[in-house]
Amino acid sequence: MLTEGQLTRRSRNWWRLVLDEFGAADVVMPIARLTREFPGGPIHGTFTARHGPDNRFIGQFDLTAPSDDQLPQMLADAVHRLDALYTQALQQGQLAPDPSLNMAPQLDTKLINQILDRWGRCSSLRRARRPRREYQ
């Protein structure tokens, strides 16, 4: 759960740390803004779907609950509609992890093998050059 101020951060390092803390590769940000006309009166909700560290806009819609009793149903409807927005974005290829947030190290196995081979030869050469000491 992030606060509104955290959603606008642009630092890739900050996003990497947050995502790594949760073992995640990407972030989606459903946002709900609820306002009430007067106590006991209608509750208006603006629901926005955003994605990624750049806070990219996916979609938005408004719902209204005429009273407190109907608020839970409005929120349930909002969850389904937000899910539909993200599902559509995923199907259209709009939801892809930002490669700059990938914390997994990219290992070059060929380079590693070359280094290990070289170290192996170096240590063999050092052993061959080193005179043996004889202890009495």
C-alpha atoms as a PDB file:
ATOM      1  CA  MET A   1       0.000   0.000   0.000  1.00  0.00           C
ATOM      2  CA  LEU A   2       1.466   3.322  -1.090  1.00  0.00           C
ATOM      3  CA  THR A   3       0.412   6.861  -0.307  1.00  0.00           C
ATOM      4  CA  GLU A   4      -0.408   9.381  -3.020  1.00  0.00           C
ATOM      5  CA  GLY A   5       2.933  11.133  -2.554  1.00  0.00           C
ATOM      6  CA  GLN A   6       4.819   7.887  -3.098  1.00  0.00           C
ATOM      7  CA  LEU A   7       3.104   7.307  -6.431  1.00  0.00           C
ATOM      8  CA  THR A   8       4.738  10.374  -7.939  1.00  0.00           C
ATOM      9  CA  ARG A   9       8.315   9.414  -7.065  1.00  0.00           C
ATOM     10  CA  ARG A  10      10.533   9.207 -10.104  1.00  0.00           C
ATOM     11  CA  SER A  11      13.600   7.651  -8.509  1.00  0.00           C
ATOM     12  CA  ARG A  12      14.331   4.248 -10.036  1.00  0.00           C
ATOM     13  CA  ASN A  13      16.393   3.336  -6.974  1.00  0.00           C
ATOM     14  CA  TRP A  14      13.426   3.942  -4.679  1.00  0.00           C
ATOM     15  CA  TRP A  15      11.126   1.857  -6.889  1.00  0.00           C
ATOM     16  CA  ARG A  16      13.698  -0.950  -7.078  1.00  0.00           C
ATOM     17  CA  LEU A  17      13.880  -1.086  -3.287  1.00  0.00           C
ATOM     18  CA  VAL A  18      10.097  -1.127  -2.860  1.00  0.00           C
ATOM     19  CA  LEU A  19       9.586  -3.818  -5.501  1.00  0.00           C
ATOM     20  CA  ASP A  20      12.439  -5.921  -4.150  1.00  0.00           C
ATOM     21  CA  GLU A  21      10.942  -5.745  -0.654  1.00  0.00           C
ATOM     22  CA  PHE A  22       7.836  -7.497  -1.999  1.00  0.00           C
ATOM     23  CA  GLY A  23       9.638  -9.730  -4.504  1.00  0.00           C
ATOM     24  CA  ALA A  24       7.831  -7.933  -7.339  1.00  0.00           C
ATOM     25  CA  ALA A  25       8.920  -7.000 -10.840  1.00  0.00           C
ATOM     26  CA  ASP A  26       6.335  -4.319 -11.549  1.00  0.00           C
ATOM     27  CA  VAL A  27       3.656  -2.177  -9.911  1.00  0.00           C
ATOM     28  CA  VAL A  28       0.020  -1.389 -10.673  1.00  0.00           C
ATOM     29  CA  MET A  29      -1.671   1.461  -8.846  1.00  0.00           C
ATOM     30  CA  PRO A  30      -5.450   1.433  -8.521  1.00  0.00           C
ATOM     31  CA  ILE A  31      -6.487   4.752  -7.013  1.00  0.00           C
ATOM     32  CA  ALA A  32      -9.821   5.519  -5.337  1.00  0.00           C
ATOM     33  CA  ARG A  33     -10.895   9.051  -4.488  1.00  0.00           C
ATOM     34  CA  LEU A  34     -14.123   9.205  -2.500  1.00  0.00           C
ATOM     35  CA  THR A  35     -16.058  12.368  -1.691  1.00  0.00           C
ATOM     36  CA  ARG A  36     -19.301  12.784   0.213  1.00  0.00           C
ATOM     37  CA  GLU A  37     -21.773  15.536  -0.570  1.00  0.00           C
ATOM     38  CA  PHE A  38     -23.048  15.700   3.012  1.00  0.00           C
ATOM     39  CA  PRO A  39     -23.247  13.313   6.006  1.00  0.00           C
ATOM     40  CA  GLY A  40     -25.423  10.362   5.065  1.00  0.00           C
ATOM     41  CA  GLY A  41     -25.672  11.639   1.495  1.00  0.00           C
ATOM     42  CA  PRO A  42     -24.335  10.371  -1.789  1.00  0.00           C
ATOM     43  CA  ILE A  43     -20.734   9.218  -2.012  1.00  0.00           C
ATOM     44  CA  HIS A  44     -18.967   9.896  -5.287  1.00  0.00           C
ATOM     45  CA  GLY A  45     -15.967   7.847  -6.279  1.00  0.00           C
ATOM     46  CA  THR A  46     -13.399   8.447  -8.988  1.00  0.00           C
ATOM     47  CA  PHE A  47     -11.368   5.303  -9.691  1.00  0.00           C
ATOM     48  CA  THR A  48      -8.169   5.403 -11.690  1.00  0.00           C
ATOM     49  CA  ALA A  49      -5.933   2.614 -12.947  1.00  0.00           C
ATOM     50  CA  ARG A  50      -2.243   3.496 -13.300  1.00  0.00           C
ATOM     51  CA  HIS A  51       0.863   1.451 -13.992  1.00  0.00           C
ATOM     52  CA  GLY A  52       4.611   1.497 -13.441  1.00  0.00           C
ATOM     53  CA  PRO A  53       7.061   3.852 -11.811  1.00  0.00           C
ATOM     54  CA  ASP A  54       6.183   6.549 -14.328  1.00  0.00           C
ATOM     55  CA  ASN A  55       2.567   6.477 -13.084  1.00  0.00           C
ATOM     56  CA  ARG A  56       1.232   5.786 -16.593  1.00  0.00           C
ATOM     57  CA  PHE A  57      -2.534   6.289 -17.009  1.00  0.00           C
ATOM     58  CA  ILE A  58      -4.543   3.168 -17.965  1.00  0.00           C
ATOM     59  CA  GLY A  59      -8.142   4.282 -17.430  1.00  0.00           C
ATOM     60  CA  GLN A  60     -10.643   6.019 -15.150  1.00  0.00           C
ATOM     61  CA  PHE A  61     -14.340   5.907 -14.254  1.00  0.00           C
ATOM     62  CA  ASP A  62     -16.801   7.432 -11.770  1.00  0.00           C
ATOM     63  CA  LEU A  63     -19.368   5.687  -9.572  1.00  0.00           C
ATOM     64  CA  THR A  64     -21.870   6.998  -7.021  1.00  0.00           C
ATOM     65  CA  ALA A  65     -23.384   5.304  -3.984  1.00  0.00           C
ATOM     66  CA  PRO A  66     -26.614   7.050  -2.989  1.00  0.00           C
ATOM     67  CA  SER A  67     -26.081   6.212   0.707  1.00  0.00           C
ATOM     68  CA  ASP A  68     -23.690   4.629   3.224  1.00  0.00           C
ATOM     69  CA  ASP A  69     -25.496   1.304   2.911  1.00  0.00           C
ATOM     70  CA  GLN A  70     -24.646   1.089  -0.781  1.00  0.00           C
ATOM     71  CA  LEU A  71     -20.967   2.030  -0.418  1.00  0.00           C
ATOM     72  CA  PRO A  72     -19.732  -1.594  -0.079  1.00  0.00           C
ATOM     73  CA  GLN A  73     -21.505  -2.520  -3.330  1.00  0.00           C
ATOM     74  CA  MET A  74     -20.033   0.515  -5.096  1.00  0.00           C
ATOM     75  CA  LEU A  75     -16.541  -0.478  -3.955  1.00  0.00           C
ATOM     76  CA  ALA A  76     -17.082  -4.093  -5.070  1.00  0.00           C
ATOM     77  CA  ASP A  77     -18.198  -2.826  -8.492  1.00  0.00           C
ATOM     78  CA  ALA A  78     -15.136  -0.579  -8.644  1.00  0.00           C
ATOM     79  CA  VAL A  79     -12.813  -3.530  -7.959  1.00  0.00           C
ATOM     80  CA  HIS A  80     -14.363  -5.485 -10.845  1.00  0.00           C
ATOM     81  CA  ARG A  81     -14.119  -2.530 -13.213  1.00  0.00           C
ATOM     82  CA  LEU A  82     -10.501  -1.802 -12.221  1.00  0.00           C
ATOM     83  CA  ASP A  83      -9.690  -5.474 -12.761  1.00  0.00           C
ATOM     84  CA  ALA A  84     -11.269  -5.243 -16.220  1.00  0.00           C
ATOM     85  CA  LEU A  85      -9.151  -2.179 -17.056  1.00  0.00           C
ATOM     86  CA  TYR A  86      -5.947  -3.968 -16.034  1.00  0.00           C
ATOM     87  CA  THR A  87      -6.973  -7.169 -17.841  1.00  0.00           C
ATOM     88  CA  GLN A  88      -7.603  -5.222 -21.039  1.00  0.00           C
ATOM     89  CA  ALA A  89      -4.282  -3.381 -20.695  1.00  0.00           C
ATOM     90  CA  LEU A  90      -2.477  -6.693 -20.179  1.00  0.00           C
ATOM     91  CA  GLN A  91      -4.131  -8.220 -23.248  1.00  0.00           C
ATOM     92  CA  GLN A  92      -3.122  -5.179 -25.303  1.00  0.00           C
ATOM     93  CA  GLY A  93       0.499  -5.489 -24.164  1.00  0.00           C
ATOM     94  CA  GLN A  94       0.458  -2.275 -22.129  1.00  0.00           C
ATOM     95  CA  LEU A  95       1.508  -3.935 -18.859  1.00  0.00           C
ATOM     96  CA  ALA A  96       5.129  -4.947 -19.118  1.00  0.00           C
ATOM     97  CA  PRO A  97       7.739  -4.639 -16.378  1.00  0.00           C
ATOM     98  CA  ASP A  98      10.106  -1.718 -16.759  1.00  0.00           C
ATOM     99  CA  PRO A  99      13.520  -3.255 -17.520  1.00  0.00           C
ATOM    100  CA  SER A 100      15.258  -0.515 -15.537  1.00  0.00           C
ATOM    101  CA  LEU A 101      13.641  -1.940 -12.384  1.00  0.00           C
ATOM    102  CA  ASN A 102      14.973  -5.467 -12.862  1.00  0.00           C
ATOM    103  CA  MET A 103      17.065  -6.267  -9.785  1.00  0.00           C
ATOM    104  CA  ALA A 104      18.035  -9.756 -10.920  1.00  0.00           C
ATOM    105  CA  PRO A 105      21.697  -9.774 -11.868  1.00  0.00           C
ATOM    106  CA  GLN A 106      22.333 -10.625 -15.489  1.00  0.00           C
ATOM    107  CA  LEU A 107      25.146 -13.153 -15.427  1.00  0.00           C
ATOM    108  CA  ASP A 108      27.277 -13.791 -18.482  1.00  0.00           C
ATOM    109  CA  THR A 109      28.097 -17.489 -18.109  1.00  0.00           C
ATOM    110  CA  LYS A 110      30.597 -17.376 -20.977  1.00  0.00           C
ATOM    111  CA  LEU A 111      32.556 -14.602 -19.225  1.00  0.00           C
ATOM    112  CA  ILE A 112      32.405 -16.441 -15.901  1.00  0.00           C
ATOM    113  CA  ASN A 113      33.765 -19.606 -17.513  1.00  0.00           C
ATOM    114  CA  GLN A 114      36.569 -17.647 -19.184  1.00  0.00           C
ATOM    115  CA  ILE A 115      37.567 -16.111 -15.852  1.00  0.00           C
ATOM    116  CA  LEU A 116      37.456 -19.452 -14.063  1.00  0.00           C
ATOM    117  CA  ASP A 117      39.524 -21.079 -16.814  1.00  0.00           C
ATOM    118  CA  ARG A 118      42.088 -18.285 -16.613  1.00  0.00           C
ATOM    119  CA  TRP A 119      42.259 -18.495 -12.807  1.00  0.00           C
ATOM    120  CA  GLY A 120      42.639 -22.228 -13.027  1.00  0.00           C
ATOM    121  CA  ARG A 121      45.586 -21.872 -15.423  1.00  0.00           C
ATOM    122  CA  CYS A 122      47.123 -19.090 -13.320  1.00  0.00           C
ATOM    123  CA  SER A 123      46.999 -21.081 -10.123  1.00  0.00           C
ATOM    124  CA  SER A 124      48.454 -24.108 -11.924  1.00  0.00           C
ATOM    125  CA  LEU A 125      51.307 -21.939 -13.261  1.00  0.00           C
ATOM    126  CA  ARG A 126      51.975 -20.487  -9.812  1.00  0.00           C
ATOM    127  CA  ARG A 127      52.171 -23.935  -8.284  1.00  0.00           C
ATOM    128  CA  ALA A 128      54.514 -25.088 -11.057  1.00  0.00           C
ATOM    129  CA  ARG A 129      56.866 -22.081 -10.629  1.00  0.00           C
ATOM    130  CA  ARG A 130      56.943 -22.179  -6.858  1.00  0.00           C
ATOM    131  CA  PRO A 131      59.905 -24.135  -5.562  1.00  0.00           C
ATOM    132  CA  ARG A 132      59.066 -26.826  -3.106  1.00  0.00           C
ATOM    133  CA  ARG A 133      60.397 -26.388   0.340  1.00  0.00           C
ATOM    134  CA  GLU A 134      61.764 -29.362   2.048  1.00  0.00           C
ATOM    135  CA  TYR A 135      61.401 -29.597   5.763  1.00  0.00           C
ATOM    136  CA  GLN A 136      63.777 -31.568   7.922  1.00  0.00           C
END
